[in-house]
Amino acid sequence: MKPFLNITFAVELLVLTCLATVAVKAEPNNNENVNKFCAYVVGVPYASDNLNDEEWVRFQYCRDTLNQ
């Protein structure tokens, strides 16, 4: 029974590694979560277009830093 468990574990690890790789590659495209987080950090409502110059600069800095 042990060889079966080892093969099953190896296949599961391979599948999880592939899924994790796809998730990591897809993460930079997930700008909505980054924008929501940065809006929270800056202290403005998400998707607000009523930001003053200082808030906009802070929002852009947050977004650029997280996307690096």
N, C-alpha and C. Protein backbone atom coordinates (compact mmCIF):
# COMPACT_ATOMS: atom_id res chain seq x y z
N MET A 1 0.81 -1.20 0.00
CA MET A 1 0.00 0.00 0.00
C MET A 1 0.86 1.27 0.00
N LYS A 2 2.06 1.23 0.53
CA LYS A 2 2.91 2.41 0.58
C LYS A 2 3.25 2.97 -0.80
N PRO A 3 3.62 2.13 -1.80
CA PRO A 3 3.93 2.72 -3.11
C PRO A 3 2.76 3.50 -3.70
N PHE A 4 1.54 3.04 -3.47
CA PHE A 4 0.37 3.75 -3.96
C PHE A 4 0.26 5.13 -3.31
N LEU A 5 0.51 5.18 -2.02
CA LEU A 5 0.45 6.46 -1.31
C LEU A 5 1.53 7.41 -1.81
N ASN A 6 2.70 6.91 -2.09
CA ASN A 6 3.77 7.76 -2.58
C ASN A 6 3.46 8.31 -3.97
N ILE A 7 2.89 7.49 -4.83
CA ILE A 7 2.51 7.95 -6.17
C ILE A 7 1.39 8.97 -6.08
N THR A 8 0.42 8.70 -5.23
CA THR A 8 -0.68 9.64 -5.05
C THR A 8 -0.17 10.97 -4.53
N PHE A 9 0.73 10.93 -3.56
CA PHE A 9 1.29 12.16 -3.01
C PHE A 9 2.07 12.92 -4.09
N ALA A 10 2.83 12.21 -4.90
CA ALA A 10 3.62 12.85 -5.95
C ALA A 10 2.72 13.52 -6.99
N VAL A 11 1.66 12.84 -7.37
CA VAL A 11 0.73 13.42 -8.35
C VAL A 11 0.02 14.64 -7.76
N GLU A 12 -0.40 14.53 -6.51
CA GLU A 12 -1.06 15.65 -5.86
C GLU A 12 -0.13 16.85 -5.74
N LEU A 13 1.11 16.61 -5.38
CA LEU A 13 2.09 17.69 -5.27
C LEU A 13 2.32 18.35 -6.63
N LEU A 14 2.39 17.56 -7.67
CA LEU A 14 2.58 18.10 -9.02
C LEU A 14 1.40 18.97 -9.44
N VAL A 15 0.20 18.51 -9.18
CA VAL A 15 -1.00 19.28 -9.54
C VAL A 15 -1.06 20.57 -8.73
N LEU A 16 -0.79 20.50 -7.44
CA LEU A 16 -0.82 21.70 -6.61
C LEU A 16 0.26 22.69 -7.03
N THR A 17 1.42 22.21 -7.42
CA THR A 17 2.49 23.09 -7.90
C THR A 17 2.07 23.80 -9.18
N CYS A 18 1.44 23.08 -10.08
CA CYS A 18 0.97 23.70 -11.33
C CYS A 18 -0.09 24.76 -11.04
N LEU A 19 -1.02 24.45 -10.15
CA LEU A 19 -2.07 25.41 -9.81
C LEU A 19 -1.49 26.65 -9.13
N ALA A 20 -0.51 26.45 -8.26
CA ALA A 20 0.12 27.58 -7.58
C ALA A 20 0.87 28.46 -8.57
N THR A 21 1.52 27.85 -9.54
CA THR A 21 2.24 28.61 -10.56
C THR A 21 1.28 29.44 -11.39
N VAL A 22 0.16 28.87 -11.76
CA VAL A 22 -0.84 29.61 -12.52
C VAL A 22 -1.40 30.75 -11.68
N ALA A 23 -1.65 30.52 -10.41
CA ALA A 23 -2.19 31.55 -9.54
C ALA A 23 -1.20 32.70 -9.37
N VAL A 24 0.07 32.39 -9.23
CA VAL A 24 1.08 33.44 -9.06
C VAL A 24 1.21 34.26 -10.33
N LYS A 25 1.16 33.60 -11.48
CA LYS A 25 1.26 34.34 -12.74
C LYS A 25 0.03 35.19 -12.97
N ALA A 26 -1.11 34.79 -12.45
CA ALA A 26 -2.34 35.54 -12.65
C ALA A 26 -2.48 36.70 -11.67
N GLU A 27 -1.70 36.70 -10.60
CA GLU A 27 -1.87 37.69 -9.54
C GLU A 27 -1.67 39.13 -9.98
N PRO A 28 -0.65 39.46 -10.81
CA PRO A 28 -0.49 40.87 -11.19
C PRO A 28 -1.69 41.44 -11.95
N ASN A 29 -2.47 40.58 -12.59
CA ASN A 29 -3.64 41.05 -13.33
C ASN A 29 -4.83 41.33 -12.41
N ASN A 30 -4.69 41.00 -11.14
CA ASN A 30 -5.78 41.18 -10.20
C ASN A 30 -5.71 42.57 -9.58
N ASN A 31 -5.87 43.59 -10.41
CA ASN A 31 -5.73 44.97 -9.97
C ASN A 31 -6.86 45.43 -9.08
N GLU A 32 -8.01 44.78 -9.15
CA GLU A 32 -9.15 45.21 -8.34
C GLU A 32 -8.84 45.08 -6.85
N ASN A 33 -8.23 43.96 -6.45
CA ASN A 33 -7.89 43.77 -5.04
C ASN A 33 -6.81 44.76 -4.61
N VAL A 34 -5.86 45.03 -5.48
CA VAL A 34 -4.81 46.01 -5.17
C VAL A 34 -5.44 47.39 -5.00
N ASN A 35 -6.33 47.76 -5.90
CA ASN A 35 -6.98 49.07 -5.81
C ASN A 35 -7.83 49.19 -4.55
N LYS A 36 -8.53 48.13 -4.18
CA LYS A 36 -9.34 48.16 -2.96
C LYS A 36 -8.46 48.33 -1.74
N PHE A 37 -7.35 47.59 -1.71
CA PHE A 37 -6.44 47.69 -0.57
C PHE A 37 -5.84 49.09 -0.49
N CYS A 38 -5.38 49.62 -1.60
CA CYS A 38 -4.75 50.95 -1.59
C CYS A 38 -5.76 52.04 -1.24
N ALA A 39 -7.00 51.89 -1.68
CA ALA A 39 -8.03 52.86 -1.28
C ALA A 39 -8.22 52.82 0.22
N TYR A 40 -8.21 51.64 0.80
CA TYR A 40 -8.33 51.51 2.26
C TYR A 40 -7.14 52.16 2.96
N VAL A 41 -5.93 51.91 2.44
CA VAL A 41 -4.72 52.47 3.05
C VAL A 41 -4.74 53.99 3.00
N VAL A 42 -5.14 54.54 1.86
CA VAL A 42 -5.17 56.00 1.69
C VAL A 42 -6.33 56.61 2.50
N GLY A 43 -7.39 55.84 2.70
CA GLY A 43 -8.52 56.33 3.47
C GLY A 43 -9.60 56.96 2.62
N VAL A 44 -9.73 56.46 1.39
CA VAL A 44 -10.77 56.96 0.49
C VAL A 44 -11.68 55.80 0.10
N PRO A 45 -12.92 56.09 -0.28
CA PRO A 45 -13.81 55.01 -0.73
C PRO A 45 -13.28 54.37 -2.02
N TYR A 46 -13.45 53.06 -2.13
CA TYR A 46 -13.02 52.36 -3.33
C TYR A 46 -13.78 52.89 -4.54
N ALA A 47 -13.07 53.09 -5.63
CA ALA A 47 -13.60 53.56 -6.91
C ALA A 47 -14.10 55.00 -6.84
N SER A 48 -13.60 55.73 -5.89
CA SER A 48 -13.96 57.15 -5.79
C SER A 48 -13.10 57.95 -6.77
N ASP A 49 -13.72 58.93 -7.39
CA ASP A 49 -12.95 59.81 -8.26
C ASP A 49 -12.80 61.20 -7.62
N ASN A 50 -13.10 61.27 -6.34
CA ASN A 50 -13.04 62.53 -5.62
C ASN A 50 -11.84 62.52 -4.67
N LEU A 51 -10.63 62.45 -5.23
CA LEU A 51 -9.40 62.44 -4.46
C LEU A 51 -8.67 63.76 -4.66
N ASN A 52 -8.08 64.26 -3.59
CA ASN A 52 -7.24 65.45 -3.77
C ASN A 52 -5.87 65.00 -4.29
N ASP A 53 -5.00 65.94 -4.58
CA ASP A 53 -3.71 65.61 -5.18
C ASP A 53 -2.87 64.71 -4.29
N GLU A 54 -2.85 64.98 -2.98
CA GLU A 54 -2.05 64.18 -2.05
C GLU A 54 -2.57 62.75 -1.98
N GLU A 55 -3.88 62.58 -1.91
CA GLU A 55 -4.46 61.23 -1.86
C GLU A 55 -4.16 60.46 -3.15
N TRP A 56 -4.22 61.14 -4.27
CA TRP A 56 -3.95 60.49 -5.56
C TRP A 56 -2.50 60.01 -5.63
N VAL A 57 -1.56 60.85 -5.18
CA VAL A 57 -0.15 60.47 -5.19
C VAL A 57 0.08 59.28 -4.27
N ARG A 58 -0.52 59.30 -3.08
CA ARG A 58 -0.38 58.18 -2.14
C ARG A 58 -1.00 56.91 -2.72
N PHE A 59 -2.15 57.02 -3.39
CA PHE A 59 -2.80 55.87 -4.00
C PHE A 59 -1.92 55.28 -5.10
N GLN A 60 -1.38 56.12 -5.95
CA GLN A 60 -0.51 55.65 -7.03
C GLN A 60 0.75 54.98 -6.47
N TYR A 61 1.33 55.58 -5.43
CA TYR A 61 2.53 55.00 -4.82
C TYR A 61 2.22 53.61 -4.26
N CYS A 62 1.11 53.48 -3.58
CA CYS A 62 0.70 52.19 -3.02
C CYS A 62 0.52 51.16 -4.13
N ARG A 63 -0.19 51.54 -5.17
CA ARG A 63 -0.46 50.63 -6.27
C ARG A 63 0.82 50.22 -7.00
N ASP A 64 1.71 51.17 -7.24
CA ASP A 64 2.97 50.87 -7.91
C ASP A 64 3.85 49.96 -7.07
N THR A 65 3.87 50.21 -5.76
CA THR A 65 4.69 49.39 -4.87
C THR A 65 4.18 47.95 -4.82
N LEU A 66 2.88 47.76 -4.75
CA LEU A 66 2.33 46.41 -4.69
C LEU A 66 2.46 45.67 -6.01
N ASN A 67 2.49 46.38 -7.11
CA ASN A 67 2.59 45.72 -8.42
C ASN A 67 4.02 45.38 -8.82
N GLN A 68 5.00 45.76 -8.01
CA GLN A 68 6.40 45.44 -8.34
C GLN A 68 6.71 44.02 -8.06
